Amino acid sequence: MAHSLKSSTEAARSNRPNLSTDAIRSTKEDLAACFRMAARNGFEEGICNHFSAVVPGHDDLFIVNPYGYAFRELTASKLLVCDFKGTVIDGDGEPEATAFYIHAEIHRRLPRAKVAFHTHMPYATALSMTEGAPLIWAGQTALKFYGRTAVDENYNGLALDHREGARIAAAAGDADIVFLKHHGVLVLAPTIADAWDDLYYLERAAEVQVLAMSTGREVLPVAPQIAEAAYRQMREGDPESARAHLAAIRRQLDAEEPQYRH
């Protein structure tokens, strides 16, 4: 299901900017931690899913995982730096083709999306396959995403060209969470901490909704005014909570899988 992206890199590498800053190293370590913890939580699918982050100080470059690696194998030094033309500026290997075409267009067309996580994680993907709005707004965790979601209704096969990436970016609009019908989800965020926090709680919200639906009993949504109020309560604490969440997963990995930082 995965497709490699072939590109020429020699000229770009000879003129590449300084990519050895502390900020870039920290970004790669944070991203590697998210890959490892996503694997632990069952959010990955083989070698097909991908996370990216705009390179600090270089809005025309992004960090992404290389083709052929499972999330649990990734380390900071394995991650690639690419430009929006598909050229690998730093790192060994190439991005998976759909990773490039989706993430390059997301970062090019939506400057607010400094980070983009795409997965086929099972419960959220299951809801992308059902009739109607994916989230019912029946569980408290789901209310974190109230008013923040969009649905790309027009599944069009694999994203193997810039046009498909551009179409997905347009479907995202102002949303932070995009349910890709018959496909999976995209989480867009200003920071890696925010992206991880949203990805984790999105799958948890989807999981409990699927469990509730499986009882065969009617799933009752929260009243809209209460849903809006709860969302605002959560939103006020989200930035600090997200930073603490990322710090917590890094502490766990530092103790149990410290190689992610290498």
C-alpha atoms as a PDB file:
ATOM      1  CA  MET A   1       0.000   0.000   0.000  1.00  0.00           C
ATOM      2  CA  ALA A   2       2.945   2.345   0.538  1.00  0.00           C
ATOM      3  CA  HIS A   3       4.704   4.032  -2.376  1.00  0.00           C
ATOM      4  CA  SER A   4       8.224   5.452  -2.320  1.00  0.00           C
ATOM      5  CA  LEU A   5       9.007   8.900  -3.707  1.00  0.00           C
ATOM      6  CA  LYS A   6      12.094   9.144  -5.911  1.00  0.00           C
ATOM      7  CA  SER A   7      13.853  12.500  -6.044  1.00  0.00           C
ATOM      8  CA  SER A   8      17.206  14.093  -6.909  1.00  0.00           C
ATOM      9  CA  THR A   9      18.990  15.572  -3.894  1.00  0.00           C
ATOM     10  CA  GLU A  10      22.621  16.359  -4.740  1.00  0.00           C
ATOM     11  CA  ALA A  11      22.211  20.039  -5.693  1.00  0.00           C
ATOM     12  CA  ALA A  12      19.929  20.749  -2.778  1.00  0.00           C
ATOM     13  CA  ARG A  13      22.271  19.081  -0.288  1.00  0.00           C
ATOM     14  CA  SER A  14      25.241  21.143  -1.480  1.00  0.00           C
ATOM     15  CA  ASN A  15      23.324  24.364  -0.770  1.00  0.00           C
ATOM     16  CA  ARG A  16      21.425  23.282   2.305  1.00  0.00           C
ATOM     17  CA  PRO A  17      20.941  25.656   5.269  1.00  0.00           C
ATOM     18  CA  ASN A  18      22.272  24.993   8.751  1.00  0.00           C
ATOM     19  CA  LEU A  19      20.117  22.187  10.127  1.00  0.00           C
ATOM     20  CA  SER A  20      22.167  21.429  13.229  1.00  0.00           C
ATOM     21  CA  THR A  21      20.531  23.933  15.592  1.00  0.00           C
ATOM     22  CA  ASP A  22      19.268  23.000  19.047  1.00  0.00           C
ATOM     23  CA  ALA A  23      15.701  23.918  18.011  1.00  0.00           C
ATOM     24  CA  ILE A  24      15.768  21.524  15.064  1.00  0.00           C
ATOM     25  CA  ARG A  25      17.310  18.752  17.129  1.00  0.00           C
ATOM     26  CA  SER A  26      14.644  19.200  19.808  1.00  0.00           C
ATOM     27  CA  THR A  27      11.895  19.129  17.183  1.00  0.00           C
ATOM     28  CA  LYS A  28      13.228  15.866  15.763  1.00  0.00           C
ATOM     29  CA  GLU A  29      13.384  14.316  19.242  1.00  0.00           C
ATOM     30  CA  ASP A  30       9.818  15.400  20.021  1.00  0.00           C
ATOM     31  CA  LEU A  31       8.614  13.980  16.707  1.00  0.00           C
ATOM     32  CA  ALA A  32      10.502  10.715  17.258  1.00  0.00           C
ATOM     33  CA  ALA A  33       8.901  10.421  20.696  1.00  0.00           C
ATOM     34  CA  CYS A  34       5.459  10.819  19.134  1.00  0.00           C
ATOM     35  CA  PHE A  35       6.186   8.082  16.582  1.00  0.00           C
ATOM     36  CA  ARG A  36       7.281   5.694  19.327  1.00  0.00           C
ATOM     37  CA  MET A  37       4.310   6.403  21.581  1.00  0.00           C
ATOM     38  CA  ALA A  38       1.883   6.242  18.652  1.00  0.00           C
ATOM     39  CA  ALA A  39       3.216   2.748  17.957  1.00  0.00           C
ATOM     40  CA  ARG A  40       2.690   1.756  21.585  1.00  0.00           C
ATOM     41  CA  ASN A  41      -0.913   2.909  21.363  1.00  0.00           C
ATOM     42  CA  GLY A  42      -1.653   1.080  18.115  1.00  0.00           C
ATOM     43  CA  PHE A  43      -2.076   4.260  16.059  1.00  0.00           C
ATOM     44  CA  GLU A  44       0.204   3.152  13.203  1.00  0.00           C
ATOM     45  CA  GLU A  45      -0.588   0.973  10.190  1.00  0.00           C
ATOM     46  CA  GLY A  46       2.428  -0.915   8.880  1.00  0.00           C
ATOM     47  CA  ILE A  47       4.783   1.555   7.221  1.00  0.00           C
ATOM     48  CA  CYS A  48       2.041   3.709   5.696  1.00  0.00           C
ATOM     49  CA  ASN A  49       1.273   6.541   8.145  1.00  0.00           C
ATOM     50  CA  HIS A  50       3.223   9.758   8.601  1.00  0.00           C
ATOM     51  CA  PHE A  51       3.887  12.732  10.861  1.00  0.00           C
ATOM     52  CA  SER A  52       5.529  16.000   9.803  1.00  0.00           C
ATOM     53  CA  ALA A  53       6.633  19.300  11.300  1.00  0.00           C
ATOM     54  CA  VAL A  54       7.868  22.503   9.675  1.00  0.00           C
ATOM     55  CA  VAL A  55      11.587  22.996  10.347  1.00  0.00           C
ATOM     56  CA  PRO A  56      12.121  25.737  12.965  1.00  0.00           C
ATOM     57  CA  GLY A  57      13.405  28.835  11.189  1.00  0.00           C
ATOM     58  CA  HIS A  58      12.700  27.412   7.718  1.00  0.00           C
ATOM     59  CA  ASP A  59       9.064  27.631   6.680  1.00  0.00           C
ATOM     60  CA  ASP A  60       9.834  26.107   3.274  1.00  0.00           C
ATOM     61  CA  LEU A  61      11.153  22.826   4.755  1.00  0.00           C
ATOM     62  CA  PHE A  62       9.523  20.071   6.768  1.00  0.00           C
ATOM     63  CA  ILE A  63      10.603  17.042   8.782  1.00  0.00           C
ATOM     64  CA  VAL A  64       8.925  13.727   7.918  1.00  0.00           C
ATOM     65  CA  ASN A  65       9.479  10.009   8.465  1.00  0.00           C
ATOM     66  CA  PRO A  66      11.319   8.005   5.779  1.00  0.00           C
ATOM     67  CA  TYR A  67       9.662   5.346   3.652  1.00  0.00           C
ATOM     68  CA  GLY A  68      10.006   1.766   4.838  1.00  0.00           C
ATOM     69  CA  TYR A  69      10.140   2.183   8.617  1.00  0.00           C
ATOM     70  CA  ALA A  70       7.511   1.314  11.193  1.00  0.00           C
ATOM     71  CA  PHE A  71       6.863   4.017  13.798  1.00  0.00           C
ATOM     72  CA  ARG A  72       8.497   1.932  16.540  1.00  0.00           C
ATOM     73  CA  GLU A  73      11.799   1.893  14.597  1.00  0.00           C
ATOM     74  CA  LEU A  74      12.151   5.640  14.170  1.00  0.00           C
ATOM     75  CA  THR A  75      14.736   7.810  15.883  1.00  0.00           C
ATOM     76  CA  ALA A  76      15.523  11.511  15.644  1.00  0.00           C
ATOM     77  CA  SER A  77      18.445  10.917  13.274  1.00  0.00           C
ATOM     78  CA  LYS A  78      16.356   8.765  10.905  1.00  0.00           C
ATOM     79  CA  LEU A  79      13.920  11.577  10.151  1.00  0.00           C
ATOM     80  CA  LEU A  80      14.179  13.406   6.828  1.00  0.00           C
ATOM     81  CA  VAL A  81      14.139  17.098   5.990  1.00  0.00           C
ATOM     82  CA  CYS A  82      12.395  17.806   2.667  1.00  0.00           C
ATOM     83  CA  ASP A  83      11.432  20.848   0.645  1.00  0.00           C
ATOM     84  CA  PHE A  84       8.057  21.338  -1.006  1.00  0.00           C
ATOM     85  CA  LYS A  85       9.376  19.995  -4.320  1.00  0.00           C
ATOM     86  CA  GLY A  86      10.111  16.569  -2.878  1.00  0.00           C
ATOM     87  CA  THR A  87      13.859  17.038  -2.543  1.00  0.00           C
ATOM     88  CA  VAL A  88      15.445  15.431   0.506  1.00  0.00           C
ATOM     89  CA  ILE A  89      17.670  18.122   2.002  1.00  0.00           C
ATOM     90  CA  ASP A  90      18.905  16.043   4.931  1.00  0.00           C
ATOM     91  CA  GLY A  91      18.693  12.378   5.906  1.00  0.00           C
ATOM     92  CA  ASP A  92      18.922   8.992   4.242  1.00  0.00           C
ATOM     93  CA  GLY A  93      16.074   7.664   2.126  1.00  0.00           C
ATOM     94  CA  GLU A  94      12.908   9.210   0.706  1.00  0.00           C
ATOM     95  CA  PRO A  95       9.497  10.007   2.137  1.00  0.00           C
ATOM     96  CA  GLU A  96       6.615   7.730   1.269  1.00  0.00           C
ATOM     97  CA  ALA A  97       4.893   9.250  -1.774  1.00  0.00           C
ATOM     98  CA  THR A  98       1.536   9.973  -0.164  1.00  0.00           C
ATOM     99  CA  ALA A  99       3.363  11.432   2.849  1.00  0.00           C
ATOM    100  CA  PHE A 100       5.081  13.934   0.592  1.00  0.00           C
ATOM    101  CA  TYR A 101       2.056  14.923  -1.467  1.00  0.00           C
ATOM    102  CA  ILE A 102      -0.225  15.331   1.551  1.00  0.00           C
ATOM    103  CA  HIS A 103       2.189  17.022   3.927  1.00  0.00           C
ATOM    104  CA  ALA A 104       3.931  19.308   1.431  1.00  0.00           C
ATOM    105  CA  GLU A 105       0.606  20.775   0.340  1.00  0.00           C
ATOM    106  CA  ILE A 106      -0.726  21.033   3.901  1.00  0.00           C
ATOM    107  CA  HIS A 107       2.339  22.992   5.031  1.00  0.00           C
ATOM    108  CA  ARG A 108       2.511  25.075   1.849  1.00  0.00           C
ATOM    109  CA  ARG A 109      -1.172  26.035   1.769  1.00  0.00           C
ATOM    110  CA  LEU A 110      -1.993  26.169   5.497  1.00  0.00           C
ATOM    111  CA  PRO A 111       0.817  28.112   7.226  1.00  0.00           C
ATOM    112  CA  ARG A 112      -0.984  27.725  10.578  1.00  0.00           C
ATOM    113  CA  ALA A 113      -0.379  23.955  10.323  1.00  0.00           C
ATOM    114  CA  LYS A 114       3.190  23.789  11.557  1.00  0.00           C
ATOM    115  CA  VAL A 115       2.580  20.126  12.408  1.00  0.00           C
ATOM    116  CA  ALA A 116       0.505  17.492  10.598  1.00  0.00           C
ATOM    117  CA  PHE A 117      -0.131  13.955  11.857  1.00  0.00           C
ATOM    118  CA  HIS A 118      -1.862  11.471   9.540  1.00  0.00           C
ATOM    119  CA  THR A 119      -2.927   8.030  10.711  1.00  0.00           C
ATOM    120  CA  HIS A 120      -5.313   5.202   9.972  1.00  0.00           C
ATOM    121  CA  MET A 121      -5.796   4.614  13.714  1.00  0.00           C
ATOM    122  CA  PRO A 122      -8.661   2.150  14.004  1.00  0.00           C
ATOM    123  CA  TYR A 123     -11.456   3.822  15.942  1.00  0.00           C
ATOM    124  CA  ALA A 124     -11.213   7.258  14.328  1.00  0.00           C
ATOM    125  CA  THR A 125     -10.883   5.611  10.917  1.00  0.00           C
ATOM    126  CA  ALA A 126     -13.935   3.466  11.642  1.00  0.00           C
ATOM    127  CA  LEU A 127     -15.951   6.620  12.253  1.00  0.00           C
ATOM    128  CA  SER A 128     -14.705   8.053   8.943  1.00  0.00           C
ATOM    129  CA  MET A 129     -16.462   5.115   7.257  1.00  0.00           C
ATOM    130  CA  THR A 130     -19.898   5.667   8.799  1.00  0.00           C
ATOM    131  CA  GLU A 131     -22.873   7.680   7.611  1.00  0.00           C
ATOM    132  CA  GLY A 132     -23.229  11.196   8.972  1.00  0.00           C
ATOM    133  CA  ALA A 133     -20.922  13.255  11.174  1.00  0.00           C
ATOM    134  CA  PRO A 134     -18.117  11.123  12.646  1.00  0.00           C
ATOM    135  CA  LEU A 135     -18.379  12.432  16.216  1.00  0.00           C
ATOM    136  CA  ILE A 136     -21.734  12.483  18.004  1.00  0.00           C
ATOM    137  CA  TRP A 137     -20.539  14.803  20.834  1.00  0.00           C
ATOM    138  CA  ALA A 138     -21.818  12.344  23.415  1.00  0.00           C
ATOM    139  CA  GLY A 139     -18.669  11.841  25.503  1.00  0.00           C
ATOM    140  CA  GLN A 140     -16.714  14.433  27.444  1.00  0.00           C
ATOM    141  CA  THR A 141     -13.433  13.636  25.687  1.00  0.00           C
ATOM    142  CA  ALA A 142     -15.049  14.257  22.300  1.00  0.00           C
ATOM    143  CA  LEU A 143     -16.023  17.767  23.396  1.00  0.00           C
ATOM    144  CA  LYS A 144     -12.351  18.756  23.201  1.00  0.00           C
ATOM    145  CA  PHE A 145     -12.934  18.773  19.426  1.00  0.00           C
ATOM    146  CA  TYR A 146     -16.311  20.509  19.335  1.00  0.00           C
ATOM    147  CA  GLY A 147     -16.348  22.989  16.433  1.00  0.00           C
ATOM    148  CA  ARG A 148     -12.825  21.997  15.370  1.00  0.00           C
ATOM    149  CA  THR A 149     -13.500  19.224  12.849  1.00  0.00           C
ATOM    150  CA  ALA A 150     -14.000  18.957   9.104  1.00  0.00           C
ATOM    151  CA  VAL A 151     -14.873  16.010   6.892  1.00  0.00           C
ATOM    152  CA  ASP A 152     -13.283  15.396   3.507  1.00  0.00           C
ATOM    153  CA  GLU A 153     -16.265  13.725   1.845  1.00  0.00           C
ATOM    154  CA  ASN A 154     -14.594  13.083  -1.511  1.00  0.00           C
ATOM    155  CA  TYR A 155     -12.310  10.088  -1.198  1.00  0.00           C
ATOM    156  CA  ASN A 156     -10.305   9.972  -4.405  1.00  0.00           C
ATOM    157  CA  GLY A 157      -7.873   7.082  -4.000  1.00  0.00           C
ATOM    158  CA  LEU A 158      -4.216   7.384  -3.018  1.00  0.00           C
ATOM    159  CA  ALA A 159      -2.673  10.855  -2.790  1.00  0.00           C
ATOM    160  CA  LEU A 160      -0.041  10.424  -5.488  1.00  0.00           C
ATOM    161  CA  ASP A 161       0.148  13.951  -6.898  1.00  0.00           C
ATOM    162  CA  HIS A 162       0.110  17.573  -5.784  1.00  0.00           C
ATOM    163  CA  ARG A 163      -3.511  18.021  -6.887  1.00  0.00           C
ATOM    164  CA  GLU A 164      -4.756  15.483  -4.366  1.00  0.00           C
ATOM    165  CA  GLY A 165      -2.687  17.046  -1.593  1.00  0.00           C
ATOM    166  CA  ALA A 166      -4.065  20.461  -2.503  1.00  0.00           C
ATOM    167  CA  ARG A 167      -7.622  19.102  -2.489  1.00  0.00           C
ATOM    168  CA  ILE A 168      -7.159  17.664   1.012  1.00  0.00           C
ATOM    169  CA  ALA A 169      -5.673  20.963   2.231  1.00  0.00           C
ATOM    170  CA  ALA A 170      -8.708  22.817   0.863  1.00  0.00           C
ATOM    171  CA  ALA A 171     -11.060  20.370   2.578  1.00  0.00           C
ATOM    172  CA  ALA A 172      -9.310  21.068   5.898  1.00  0.00           C
ATOM    173  CA  GLY A 173     -10.209  24.756   5.777  1.00  0.00           C
ATOM    174  CA  ASP A 174      -9.905  26.181   9.300  1.00  0.00           C
ATOM    175  CA  ALA A 175     -10.308  22.813  11.050  1.00  0.00           C
ATOM    176  CA  ASP A 176      -7.736  21.191  13.300  1.00  0.00           C
ATOM    177  CA  ILE A 177      -9.120  17.666  12.824  1.00  0.00           C
ATOM    178  CA  VAL A 178      -9.968  16.305   9.377  1.00  0.00           C
ATOM    179  CA  PHE A 179     -11.810  13.028   8.962  1.00  0.00           C
ATOM    180  CA  LEU A 180     -10.848  11.690   5.539  1.00  0.00           C
ATOM    181  CA  LYS A 181     -13.826   9.602   4.410  1.00  0.00           C
ATOM    182  CA  HIS A 182     -12.961   5.938   3.825  1.00  0.00           C
ATOM    183  CA  HIS A 183      -9.340   6.707   4.674  1.00  0.00           C
ATOM    184  CA  GLY A 184      -8.259   7.997   8.108  1.00  0.00           C
ATOM    185  CA  VAL A 185      -7.657  11.270   9.929  1.00  0.00           C
ATOM    186  CA  LEU A 186      -5.416  14.325   9.835  1.00  0.00           C
ATOM    187  CA  VAL A 187      -4.496  16.328  12.933  1.00  0.00           C
ATOM    188  CA  LEU A 188      -3.176  19.849  12.249  1.00  0.00           C
ATOM    189  CA  ALA A 189      -1.579  21.917  14.995  1.00  0.00           C
ATOM    190  CA  PRO A 190       0.791  24.795  15.753  1.00  0.00           C
ATOM    191  CA  THR A 191       3.121  22.607  17.849  1.00  0.00           C
ATOM    192  CA  ILE A 192       4.095  18.952  18.188  1.00  0.00           C
ATOM    193  CA  ALA A 193       2.729  18.934  21.741  1.00  0.00           C
ATOM    194  CA  ASP A 194      -0.682  20.118  20.523  1.00  0.00           C
ATOM    195  CA  ALA A 195      -0.701  17.586  17.682  1.00  0.00           C
ATOM    196  CA  TRP A 196       0.146  14.681  19.995  1.00  0.00           C
ATOM    197  CA  ASP A 197      -2.457  15.711  22.562  1.00  0.00           C
ATOM    198  CA  ASP A 198      -5.164  15.959  19.901  1.00  0.00           C
ATOM    199  CA  LEU A 199      -4.170  12.703  18.208  1.00  0.00           C
ATOM    200  CA  TYR A 200      -4.249  10.760  21.464  1.00  0.00           C
ATOM    201  CA  TYR A 201      -7.556  12.134  22.737  1.00  0.00           C
ATOM    202  CA  LEU A 202      -9.186  11.913  19.300  1.00  0.00           C
ATOM    203  CA  GLU A 203      -8.639   8.160  19.216  1.00  0.00           C
ATOM    204  CA  ARG A 204      -9.842   7.807  22.801  1.00  0.00           C
ATOM    205  CA  ALA A 205     -12.989   9.781  21.986  1.00  0.00           C
ATOM    206  CA  ALA A 206     -13.594   7.655  18.902  1.00  0.00           C
ATOM    207  CA  GLU A 207     -13.012   4.444  20.864  1.00  0.00           C
ATOM    208  CA  VAL A 208     -15.601   5.156  23.542  1.00  0.00           C
ATOM    209  CA  GLN A 209     -18.107   6.301  20.910  1.00  0.00           C
ATOM    210  CA  VAL A 210     -17.660   3.067  18.944  1.00  0.00           C
ATOM    211  CA  LEU A 211     -18.121   1.106  22.175  1.00  0.00           C
ATOM    212  CA  ALA A 212     -21.287   3.039  22.992  1.00  0.00           C
ATOM    213  CA  MET A 213     -22.644   2.500  19.469  1.00  0.00           C
ATOM    214  CA  SER A 214     -21.906  -1.221  19.718  1.00  0.00           C
ATOM    215  CA  THR A 215     -24.423  -1.614  22.550  1.00  0.00           C
ATOM    216  CA  GLY A 216     -27.237  -1.009  20.077  1.00  0.00           C
ATOM    217  CA  ARG A 217     -28.735   1.585  22.411  1.00  0.00           C
ATOM    218  CA  GLU A 218     -29.245   5.181  21.329  1.00  0.00           C
ATOM    219  CA  VAL A 219     -26.157   7.343  21.875  1.00  0.00           C
ATOM    220  CA  LEU A 220     -27.292  10.675  23.312  1.00  0.00           C
ATOM    221  CA  PRO A 221     -25.372  13.848  22.412  1.00  0.00           C
ATOM    222  CA  VAL A 222     -24.678  16.589  24.917  1.00  0.00           C
ATOM    223  CA  ALA A 223     -26.821  19.707  24.459  1.00  0.00           C
ATOM    224  CA  PRO A 224     -25.037  22.131  22.093  1.00  0.00           C
ATOM    225  CA  GLN A 225     -24.733  24.935  24.652  1.00  0.00           C
ATOM    226  CA  ILE A 226     -23.154  22.563  27.165  1.00  0.00           C
ATOM    227  CA  ALA A 227     -20.878  21.087  24.500  1.00  0.00           C
ATOM    228  CA  GLU A 228     -19.684  24.578  23.557  1.00  0.00           C
ATOM    229  CA  ALA A 229     -19.102  25.536  27.191  1.00  0.00           C
ATOM    230  CA  ALA A 230     -17.177  22.334  27.916  1.00  0.00           C
ATOM    231  CA  TYR A 231     -15.039  22.844  24.805  1.00  0.00           C
ATOM    232  CA  ARG A 232     -14.137  26.357  25.983  1.00  0.00           C
ATOM    233  CA  GLN A 233     -13.254  25.078  29.446  1.00  0.00           C
ATOM    234  CA  MET A 234     -10.917  22.492  27.938  1.00  0.00           C
ATOM    235  CA  ARG A 235      -9.452  24.914  25.421  1.00  0.00           C
ATOM    236  CA  GLU A 236      -8.302  27.289  28.154  1.00  0.00           C
ATOM    237  CA  GLY A 237      -6.054  24.619  29.656  1.00  0.00           C
ATOM    238  CA  ASP A 238      -5.056  22.844  26.445  1.00  0.00           C
ATOM    239  CA  PRO A 239      -1.659  24.491  25.736  1.00  0.00           C
ATOM    240  CA  GLU A 240      -0.199  23.706  29.157  1.00  0.00           C
ATOM    241  CA  SER A 241      -1.864  20.285  29.265  1.00  0.00           C
ATOM    242  CA  ALA A 242      -0.453  19.436  25.840  1.00  0.00           C
ATOM    243  CA  ARG A 243       3.081  20.447  26.857  1.00  0.00           C
ATOM    244  CA  ALA A 244       2.797  18.343  30.008  1.00  0.00           C
ATOM    245  CA  HIS A 245       1.460  15.393  27.994  1.00  0.00           C
ATOM    246  CA  LEU A 246       4.416  15.486  25.596  1.00  0.00           C
ATOM    247  CA  ALA A 247       6.843  15.818  28.510  1.00  0.00           C
ATOM    248  CA  ALA A 248       5.224  12.779  30.127  1.00  0.00           C
ATOM    249  CA  ILE A 249       5.655  10.566  27.076  1.00  0.00           C
ATOM    250  CA  ARG A 250       9.260  11.676  26.755  1.00  0.00           C
ATOM    251  CA  ARG A 251       9.943  10.745  30.384  1.00  0.00           C
ATOM    252  CA  GLN A 252       8.455   7.312  29.773  1.00  0.00           C
ATOM    253  CA  LEU A 253      10.540   6.799  26.657  1.00  0.00           C
ATOM    254  CA  ASP A 254      13.698   8.159  28.293  1.00  0.00           C
ATOM    255  CA  ALA A 255      13.305   5.407  30.883  1.00  0.00           C
ATOM    256  CA  GLU A 256      12.247   2.602  28.558  1.00  0.00           C
ATOM    257  CA  GLU A 257      13.292   3.396  24.946  1.00  0.00           C
ATOM    258  CA  PRO A 258      15.961   6.131  25.128  1.00  0.00           C
ATOM    259  CA  GLN A 259      17.237   5.233  21.661  1.00  0.00           C
ATOM    260  CA  TYR A 260      14.420   7.347  20.152  1.00  0.00           C
ATOM    261  CA  ARG A 261      16.588  10.415  20.803  1.00  0.00           C
ATOM    262  CA  HIS A 262      19.550   9.132  18.779  1.00  0.00           C
END
